[in-house]
C-alpha atoms as a PDB file:
ATOM      1  CA  MET A   1      -0.813  15.818   9.661  1.00  0.00           C
ATOM      2  CA  PRO A   2      -3.342  18.344   8.332  1.00  0.00           C
ATOM      3  CA  SER A   3      -6.535  16.762   7.041  1.00  0.00           C
ATOM      4  CA  PRO A   4      -6.907  17.933   3.426  1.00  0.00           C
ATOM      5  CA  LEU A   5      -8.990  14.880   2.487  1.00  0.00           C
ATOM      6  CA  PRO A   6     -12.552  15.569   3.617  1.00  0.00           C
ATOM      7  CA  LEU A   7     -14.428  12.789   1.831  1.00  0.00           C
ATOM      8  CA  ALA A   8     -15.079   9.950   4.254  1.00  0.00           C
ATOM      9  CA  ASP A   9     -15.001   7.320   1.518  1.00  0.00           C
ATOM     10  CA  ALA A  10     -12.134   8.803  -0.504  1.00  0.00           C
ATOM     11  CA  THR A  11      -9.011   6.866  -1.328  1.00  0.00           C
ATOM     12  CA  TRP A  12      -6.091   8.545   0.406  1.00  0.00           C
ATOM     13  CA  ILE A  13      -2.660   8.239  -1.198  1.00  0.00           C
ATOM     14  CA  LEU A  14       0.416   9.505   0.610  1.00  0.00           C
ATOM     15  CA  ALA A  15       3.705   9.752  -1.292  1.00  0.00           C
ATOM     16  CA  CYS A  16       7.003  10.176   0.571  1.00  0.00           C
ATOM     17  CA  PRO A  17      10.344  10.917  -1.127  1.00  0.00           C
ATOM     18  CA  LEU A  18      13.238   8.666  -0.149  1.00  0.00           C
ATOM     19  CA  PRO A  19      16.540  10.097   1.128  1.00  0.00           C
ATOM     20  CA  PRO A  20      19.119  10.563  -1.635  1.00  0.00           C
ATOM     21  CA  ASP A  21      21.895   8.293  -0.332  1.00  0.00           C
ATOM     22  CA  THR A  22      22.412   4.952   1.377  1.00  0.00           C
ATOM     23  CA  ALA A  23      23.603   6.339   4.706  1.00  0.00           C
ATOM     24  CA  ALA A  24      20.538   8.557   5.028  1.00  0.00           C
ATOM     25  CA  CYS A  25      18.272   5.625   4.124  1.00  0.00           C
ATOM     26  CA  ARG A  26      19.933   3.496   6.799  1.00  0.00           C
ATOM     27  CA  ALA A  27      19.463   6.163   9.473  1.00  0.00           C
ATOM     28  CA  LEU A  28      15.845   6.862   8.529  1.00  0.00           C
ATOM     29  CA  SER A  29      15.007   3.148   8.375  1.00  0.00           C
ATOM     30  CA  ALA A  30      16.282   2.662  11.937  1.00  0.00           C
ATOM     31  CA  GLN A  31      14.138   5.559  13.171  1.00  0.00           C
ATOM     32  CA  LEU A  32      11.046   4.270  11.375  1.00  0.00           C
ATOM     33  CA  ALA A  33      11.442   0.714  12.686  1.00  0.00           C
ATOM     34  CA  ALA A  34      10.892   1.803  16.289  1.00  0.00           C
ATOM     35  CA  ARG A  35       7.948   4.056  15.426  1.00  0.00           C
ATOM     36  CA  LEU A  36       6.244   1.292  13.477  1.00  0.00           C
ATOM     37  CA  LEU A  37       6.304  -1.511  16.033  1.00  0.00           C
ATOM     38  CA  PRO A  38       2.953  -0.658  17.719  1.00  0.00           C
ATOM     39  CA  TRP A  39       1.203  -0.721  14.326  1.00  0.00           C
ATOM     40  CA  LEU A  40       2.497  -4.027  12.952  1.00  0.00           C
ATOM     41  CA  SER A  41       1.734  -7.685  13.467  1.00  0.00           C
ATOM     42  CA  PRO A  42       4.725 -10.007  14.036  1.00  0.00           C
ATOM     43  CA  ALA A  43       4.330 -11.300  10.465  1.00  0.00           C
ATOM     44  CA  GLN A  44       4.526  -7.800   9.017  1.00  0.00           C
ATOM     45  CA  ALA A  45       7.491  -6.857  11.215  1.00  0.00           C
ATOM     46  CA  ALA A  46       9.343 -10.009  10.125  1.00  0.00           C
ATOM     47  CA  HIS A  47       8.601  -9.230   6.486  1.00  0.00           C
ATOM     48  CA  LEU A  48      10.156  -5.768   6.801  1.00  0.00           C
ATOM     49  CA  ALA A  49      13.197  -7.101   8.643  1.00  0.00           C
ATOM     50  CA  ALA A  50      13.955  -9.443   5.727  1.00  0.00           C
ATOM     51  CA  PHE A  51      14.985  -6.622   3.363  1.00  0.00           C
ATOM     52  CA  ARG A  52      18.768  -6.228   3.331  1.00  0.00           C
ATOM     53  CA  ARG A  53      19.254  -3.488   0.735  1.00  0.00           C
ATOM     54  CA  GLU A  54      19.067  -0.200   2.650  1.00  0.00           C
ATOM     55  CA  ARG A  55      16.935   1.595   0.083  1.00  0.00           C
ATOM     56  CA  ASP A  56      14.437  -1.271  -0.126  1.00  0.00           C
ATOM     57  CA  SER A  57      14.171  -1.526   3.653  1.00  0.00           C
ATOM     58  CA  CYS A  58      13.709   2.225   4.045  1.00  0.00           C
ATOM     59  CA  ALA A  59      11.047   2.385   1.326  1.00  0.00           C
ATOM     60  CA  ARG A  60       8.978  -0.419   2.891  1.00  0.00           C
ATOM     61  CA  ARG A  61       9.101   1.121   6.343  1.00  0.00           C
ATOM     62  CA  LEU A  62       8.411   4.601   5.015  1.00  0.00           C
ATOM     63  CA  ALA A  63       5.307   3.381   3.176  1.00  0.00           C
ATOM     64  CA  ARG A  64       3.975   1.797   6.358  1.00  0.00           C
ATOM     65  CA  VAL A  65       4.638   4.915   8.419  1.00  0.00           C
ATOM     66  CA  ALA A  66       2.737   6.825   5.720  1.00  0.00           C
ATOM     67  CA  LEU A  67      -0.150   4.383   6.159  1.00  0.00           C
ATOM     68  CA  ALA A  68      -0.054   4.742   9.951  1.00  0.00           C
ATOM     69  CA  THR A  69      -0.029   8.532   9.576  1.00  0.00           C
ATOM     70  CA  MET A  70      -3.182   8.386   7.455  1.00  0.00           C
ATOM     71  CA  LEU A  71      -4.847   6.035   9.933  1.00  0.00           C
ATOM     72  CA  ALA A  72      -3.938   8.350  12.808  1.00  0.00           C
ATOM     73  CA  ALA A  73      -5.431  11.282  10.892  1.00  0.00           C
ATOM     74  CA  ARG A  74      -8.674   9.275  10.759  1.00  0.00           C
ATOM     75  CA  GLY A  75      -8.640   8.797  14.535  1.00  0.00           C
ATOM     76  CA  GLU A  76      -7.208   5.282  14.597  1.00  0.00           C
ATOM     77  CA  ARG A  77      -4.664   4.209  17.207  1.00  0.00           C
ATOM     78  CA  PRO A  78      -2.573   1.021  17.374  1.00  0.00           C
ATOM     79  CA  GLU A  79      -4.636  -0.325  20.268  1.00  0.00           C
ATOM     80  CA  SER A  80      -7.846   0.066  18.227  1.00  0.00           C
ATOM     81  CA  LEU A  81      -6.503  -2.016  15.333  1.00  0.00           C
ATOM     82  CA  LEU A  82      -6.862  -5.655  16.283  1.00  0.00           C
ATOM     83  CA  PRO A  83      -5.477  -7.538  14.526  1.00  0.00           C
ATOM     84  CA  ARG A  84      -2.834  -5.074  13.371  1.00  0.00           C
ATOM     85  CA  LEU A  85      -1.454  -4.700   9.874  1.00  0.00           C
ATOM     86  CA  THR A  86      -0.490  -8.172   8.682  1.00  0.00           C
ATOM     87  CA  ARG A  87       0.100 -10.184   5.511  1.00  0.00           C
ATOM     88  CA  LEU A  88      -2.204 -12.568   3.704  1.00  0.00           C
ATOM     89  CA  PRO A  89      -0.787 -15.924   2.518  1.00  0.00           C
ATOM     90  CA  GLY A  90      -0.112 -14.462  -0.936  1.00  0.00           C
ATOM     91  CA  GLY A  91       1.799 -11.535   0.563  1.00  0.00           C
ATOM     92  CA  ALA A  92      -0.837  -8.804   0.226  1.00  0.00           C
ATOM     93  CA  PRO A  93      -1.186  -6.428   3.196  1.00  0.00           C
ATOM     94  CA  PHE A  94      -4.345  -6.803   5.279  1.00  0.00           C
ATOM     95  CA  LEU A  95      -5.949  -4.559   7.890  1.00  0.00           C
ATOM     96  CA  PRO A  96      -9.547  -5.278   9.014  1.00  0.00           C
ATOM     97  CA  GLY A  97     -11.948  -2.501   8.052  1.00  0.00           C
ATOM     98  CA  TRP A  98      -9.593  -0.983   5.511  1.00  0.00           C
ATOM     99  CA  ALA A  99      -8.237  -1.643   2.045  1.00  0.00           C
ATOM    100  CA  VAL A 100      -4.505  -0.894   2.058  1.00  0.00           C
ATOM    101  CA  ALA A 101      -1.828  -1.031  -0.619  1.00  0.00           C
ATOM    102  CA  PHE A 102       1.805  -0.054  -1.081  1.00  0.00           C
ATOM    103  CA  SER A 103       4.124   0.681  -3.976  1.00  0.00           C
ATOM    104  CA  TYR A 104       7.748   1.780  -4.302  1.00  0.00           C
ATOM    105  CA  SER A 105      10.149   3.326  -6.762  1.00  0.00           C
ATOM    106  CA  GLU A 106      13.830   4.201  -6.435  1.00  0.00           C
ATOM    107  CA  GLU A 107      12.748   7.734  -5.538  1.00  0.00           C
ATOM    108  CA  ALA A 108       9.700   7.416  -3.278  1.00  0.00           C
ATOM    109  CA  ALA A 109       7.393   5.207  -1.231  1.00  0.00           C
ATOM    110  CA  PHE A 110       3.612   5.214  -1.589  1.00  0.00           C
ATOM    111  CA  ALA A 111       0.736   4.070   0.613  1.00  0.00           C
ATOM    112  CA  ALA A 112      -2.986   4.006  -0.188  1.00  0.00           C
ATOM    113  CA  LEU A 113      -5.907   3.701   2.212  1.00  0.00           C
ATOM    114  CA  LEU A 114      -9.613   3.164   1.527  1.00  0.00           C
ATOM    115  CA  PRO A 115     -12.403   2.425   4.042  1.00  0.00           C
ATOM    116  CA  ALA A 116     -13.657  -1.098   3.334  1.00  0.00           C
ATOM    117  CA  GLY A 117     -16.226  -1.705   6.070  1.00  0.00           C
ATOM    118  CA  GLY A 118     -16.628  -5.330   7.018  1.00  0.00           C
ATOM    119  CA  ARG A 119     -15.569  -6.904   3.736  1.00  0.00           C
ATOM    120  CA  ARG A 120     -12.352  -7.673   1.900  1.00  0.00           C
ATOM    121  CA  LEU A 121     -12.161  -5.115  -0.900  1.00  0.00           C
ATOM    122  CA  PRO A 122      -9.937  -5.802  -3.934  1.00  0.00           C
ATOM    123  CA  PHE A 123      -7.429  -2.944  -4.016  1.00  0.00           C
ATOM    124  CA  GLY A 124      -4.168  -2.331  -5.853  1.00  0.00           C
ATOM    125  CA  LEU A 125      -1.607   0.466  -6.159  1.00  0.00           C
ATOM    126  CA  ASP A 126       1.333   0.882  -8.502  1.00  0.00           C
ATOM    127  CA  ALA A 127       3.844   3.684  -9.058  1.00  0.00           C
ATOM    128  CA  GLU A 128       6.674   4.016 -11.554  1.00  0.00           C
ATOM    129  CA  ALA A 129       9.328   6.710 -11.791  1.00  0.00           C
ATOM    130  CA  CYS A 130       9.214   8.467 -15.150  1.00  0.00           C
ATOM    131  CA  PHE A 131      12.847   7.505 -15.830  1.00  0.00           C
ATOM    132  CA  SER A 132      12.176   3.778 -15.269  1.00  0.00           C
ATOM    133  CA  PRO A 133      12.856   1.495 -18.242  1.00  0.00           C
ATOM    134  CA  PRO A 134       9.557   1.051 -20.086  1.00  0.00           C
ATOM    135  CA  PRO A 135       7.987  -2.412 -20.326  1.00  0.00           C
ATOM    136  CA  HIS A 136       8.512  -4.483 -23.449  1.00  0.00           C
ATOM    137  CA  ALA A 137       5.999  -4.010 -26.245  1.00  0.00           C
ATOM    138  CA  SER A 138       4.686  -7.538 -25.585  1.00  0.00           C
ATOM    139  CA  ALA A 139       3.030  -6.215 -22.405  1.00  0.00           C
ATOM    140  CA  PHE A 140       0.532  -4.328 -24.564  1.00  0.00           C
ATOM    141  CA  SER A 141      -2.198  -5.460 -26.907  1.00  0.00           C
ATOM    142  CA  GLY A 142      -2.347  -4.478 -30.551  1.00  0.00           C
ATOM    143  CA  ARG A 143      -5.222  -2.132 -29.732  1.00  0.00           C
ATOM    144  CA  GLU A 144      -3.104  -0.334 -27.126  1.00  0.00           C
ATOM    145  CA  ARG A 145      -0.142   0.134 -29.442  1.00  0.00           C
ATOM    146  CA  ARG A 146      -0.211   2.853 -32.047  1.00  0.00           C
ATOM    147  CA  PRO A 147      -0.117   2.001 -35.762  1.00  0.00           C
ATOM    148  CA  GLY A 148       3.259   0.487 -36.515  1.00  0.00           C
ATOM    149  CA  GLY A 149       3.599  -0.793 -32.960  1.00  0.00           C
ATOM    150  CA  GLN A 150       5.205   2.389 -31.645  1.00  0.00           C
ATOM    151  CA  MET A 151       4.431   3.879 -28.237  1.00  0.00           C
ATOM    152  CA  PRO A 152       6.326   6.657 -26.423  1.00  0.00           C
ATOM    153  CA  ASP A 153       8.089   5.545 -23.237  1.00  0.00           C
ATOM    154  CA  ARG A 154       5.949   7.869 -21.117  1.00  0.00           C
ATOM    155  CA  GLU A 155       2.754   6.333 -22.500  1.00  0.00           C
ATOM    156  CA  ARG A 156       4.092   2.811 -21.922  1.00  0.00           C
ATOM    157  CA  LEU A 157       4.768   3.635 -18.274  1.00  0.00           C
ATOM    158  CA  ARG A 158       1.361   5.257 -17.852  1.00  0.00           C
ATOM    159  CA  ARG A 159      -0.383   2.185 -19.233  1.00  0.00           C
ATOM    160  CA  TRP A 160       1.877  -0.116 -17.225  1.00  0.00           C
ATOM    161  CA  VAL A 161       0.930   1.344 -13.835  1.00  0.00           C
ATOM    162  CA  ILE A 162      -2.743   0.911 -14.747  1.00  0.00           C
ATOM    163  CA  LYS A 163      -2.169  -2.735 -15.642  1.00  0.00           C
ATOM    164  CA  GLU A 164      -0.117  -3.382 -12.505  1.00  0.00           C
ATOM    165  CA  SER A 165      -2.705  -1.790 -10.219  1.00  0.00           C
ATOM    166  CA  LEU A 166      -5.434  -3.931 -11.785  1.00  0.00           C
ATOM    167  CA  LEU A 167      -3.377  -7.127 -11.525  1.00  0.00           C
ATOM    168  CA  LYS A 168      -2.598  -6.382  -7.879  1.00  0.00           C
ATOM    169  CA  ALA A 169      -6.245  -5.651  -7.101  1.00  0.00           C
ATOM    170  CA  ALA A 170      -7.283  -8.887  -8.805  1.00  0.00           C
ATOM    171  CA  GLY A 171      -4.691 -10.795  -6.782  1.00  0.00           C
ATOM    172  CA  THR A 172      -3.145 -12.437  -9.840  1.00  0.00           C
ATOM    173  CA  GLY A 173       0.036 -10.427 -10.237  1.00  0.00           C
ATOM    174  CA  LEU A 174       1.953 -11.226 -13.397  1.00  0.00           C
ATOM    175  CA  THR A 175       0.600 -14.773 -13.543  1.00  0.00           C
ATOM    176  CA  ARG A 176      -1.925 -13.152 -15.874  1.00  0.00           C
ATOM    177  CA  ASP A 177      -0.685 -11.871 -19.233  1.00  0.00           C
ATOM    178  CA  PRO A 178      -0.564  -8.060 -18.884  1.00  0.00           C
ATOM    179  CA  ALA A 179      -1.311  -7.687 -22.590  1.00  0.00           C
ATOM    180  CA  MET A 180      -4.786  -9.065 -21.814  1.00  0.00           C
ATOM    181  CA  VAL A 181      -5.443  -6.287 -19.267  1.00  0.00           C
ATOM    182  CA  ASP A 182      -7.094  -3.286 -20.901  1.00  0.00           C
ATOM    183  CA  SER A 183      -5.538   0.078 -19.968  1.00  0.00           C
ATOM    184  CA  GLY A 184      -8.058   2.205 -21.843  1.00  0.00           C
ATOM    185  CA  ARG A 185      -7.473   4.869 -24.469  1.00  0.00           C
ATOM    186  CA  CYS A 186      -4.335   6.929 -24.986  1.00  0.00           C
ATOM    187  CA  GLY A 187      -4.133   9.465 -22.168  1.00  0.00           C
ATOM    188  CA  GLN A 188      -7.216   8.124 -20.352  1.00  0.00           C
ATOM    189  CA  ARG A 189      -7.082   8.813 -16.598  1.00  0.00           C
ATOM    190  CA  ARG A 190     -10.113   6.872 -15.307  1.00  0.00           C
ATOM    191  CA  GLY A 191     -11.718   3.653 -16.416  1.00  0.00           C
ATOM    192  CA  ARG A 192     -13.210   0.296 -15.551  1.00  0.00           C
ATOM    193  CA  THR A 193     -12.208  -3.221 -16.482  1.00  0.00           C
ATOM    194  CA  GLU A 194     -14.480  -6.243 -16.500  1.00  0.00           C
ATOM    195  CA  TRP A 195     -13.057  -9.422 -14.981  1.00  0.00           C
ATOM    196  CA  ALA A 196     -14.578 -12.880 -14.729  1.00  0.00           C
ATOM    197  CA  ASP A 197     -15.318 -12.300 -11.032  1.00  0.00           C
ATOM    198  CA  GLY A 198     -16.419  -8.658 -11.182  1.00  0.00           C
ATOM    199  CA  THR A 199     -15.616  -5.100 -12.189  1.00  0.00           C
ATOM    200  CA  LEU A 200     -12.515  -3.156 -11.187  1.00  0.00           C
ATOM    201  CA  PHE A 201     -12.328   0.624 -11.403  1.00  0.00           C
ATOM    202  CA  TRP A 202      -9.020   2.396 -11.941  1.00  0.00           C
ATOM    203  CA  HIS A 203      -7.651   5.908 -11.692  1.00  0.00           C
ATOM    204  CA  CYS A 204      -4.285   7.015 -13.085  1.00  0.00           C
ATOM    205  CA  LEU A 205      -2.619  10.269 -12.081  1.00  0.00           C
ATOM    206  CA  PRO A 206       0.757  11.962 -12.425  1.00  0.00           C
ATOM    207  CA  LEU A 207       2.770  12.873  -9.344  1.00  0.00           C
ATOM    208  CA  PRO A 208       6.126  14.679  -9.507  1.00  0.00           C
ATOM    209  CA  GLY A 209       8.489  12.370 -11.377  1.00  0.00           C
ATOM    210  CA  HIS A 210       6.027   9.455 -11.335  1.00  0.00           C
ATOM    211  CA  TRP A 211       3.001   7.821 -12.829  1.00  0.00           C
ATOM    212  CA  LEU A 212       0.673   6.302 -10.247  1.00  0.00           C
ATOM    213  CA  ALA A 213      -2.474   4.200 -10.564  1.00  0.00           C
ATOM    214  CA  VAL A 214      -4.915   2.729  -8.073  1.00  0.00           C
ATOM    215  CA  ALA A 215      -7.608   0.113  -8.723  1.00  0.00           C
ATOM    216  CA  ALA A 216     -10.489  -1.098  -6.575  1.00  0.00           C
ATOM    217  CA  ALA A 217     -13.783  -2.956  -6.755  1.00  0.00           C
ATOM    218  CA  ARG A 218     -15.746   0.300  -6.476  1.00  0.00           C
ATOM    219  CA  PRO A 219     -15.521   3.762  -8.073  1.00  0.00           C
ATOM    220  CA  LEU A 220     -12.650   5.858  -6.767  1.00  0.00           C
ATOM    221  CA  ARG A 221     -12.341   9.402  -5.487  1.00  0.00           C
ATOM    222  CA  ILE A 222      -8.658  10.114  -5.060  1.00  0.00           C
ATOM    223  CA  ARG A 223      -6.961  12.477  -2.648  1.00  0.00           C
ATOM    224  CA  ALA A 224      -3.195  12.287  -3.176  1.00  0.00           C
ATOM    225  CA  ILE A 225      -0.652  14.305  -1.204  1.00  0.00           C
ATOM    226  CA  ILE A 226       3.125  14.350  -0.862  1.00  0.00           C
ATOM    227  CA  ARG A 227       4.883  14.641   2.477  1.00  0.00           C
ATOM    228  CA  PRO A 228       8.597  14.471   3.389  1.00  0.00           C
ATOM    229  CA  PRO A 229       9.447  11.813   5.988  1.00  0.00           C
ATOM    230  CA  GLY A 230       9.760  14.420   8.747  1.00  0.00           C
ATOM    231  CA  ALA A 231       6.114  15.408   8.267  1.00  0.00           C
ATOM    232  CA  LEU A 232       4.808  11.900   8.999  1.00  0.00           C
ATOM    233  CA  LEU A 233       3.390  12.228  12.493  1.00  0.00           C
ATOM    234  CA  LEU A 234       2.410   9.309  14.699  1.00  0.00           C
ATOM    235  CA  PRO A 235       0.820   9.560  18.150  1.00  0.00           C
END
């Protein structure tokens, strides 16, 4: 893969469109499974094997091949990653030295990668297709809603990916009321949110057909690219 992301501490995001039909997803998923094995721990491989719906299985594998492609572009090889990509008890992905995150829509798979050094860095990624049903109004605070409680669907989705990325980075998921998570001003693309245990920084950006947001415990410099599955190159 070309290296269009020169900043050593940048957050890389790689988006990969999914095949249009079930048969193509099934074929691609089988190809990806073999290519992924050297990069995955047994726990991660078992997690991927548990998905029965072809589109879900393909998306999960495609996101991890996207991650491996980014790692390879940074000079990493499977034998240098010990332990390999695994899962924490709560289900979050874990790779020593890196912050990693995944997200999926019906149209694409997404992977994010950020150098983390020797510490566990809170990190979250969320993507939503622009045609996805918008969240219920109860997911937003009165300050976030416009006068009269109205909010365009596109703005709801934009705010929702910010909230989801923050909740994922915090490790709480939807056990925390999303209405209590501040998504900033209307149209805001960057921000910070104060939590009881620290500050999280977020960045929201549009990609073709999607809203995407990433959150981390340090300021973010984003480099997002889109590649078709055939352009994901592993050594």
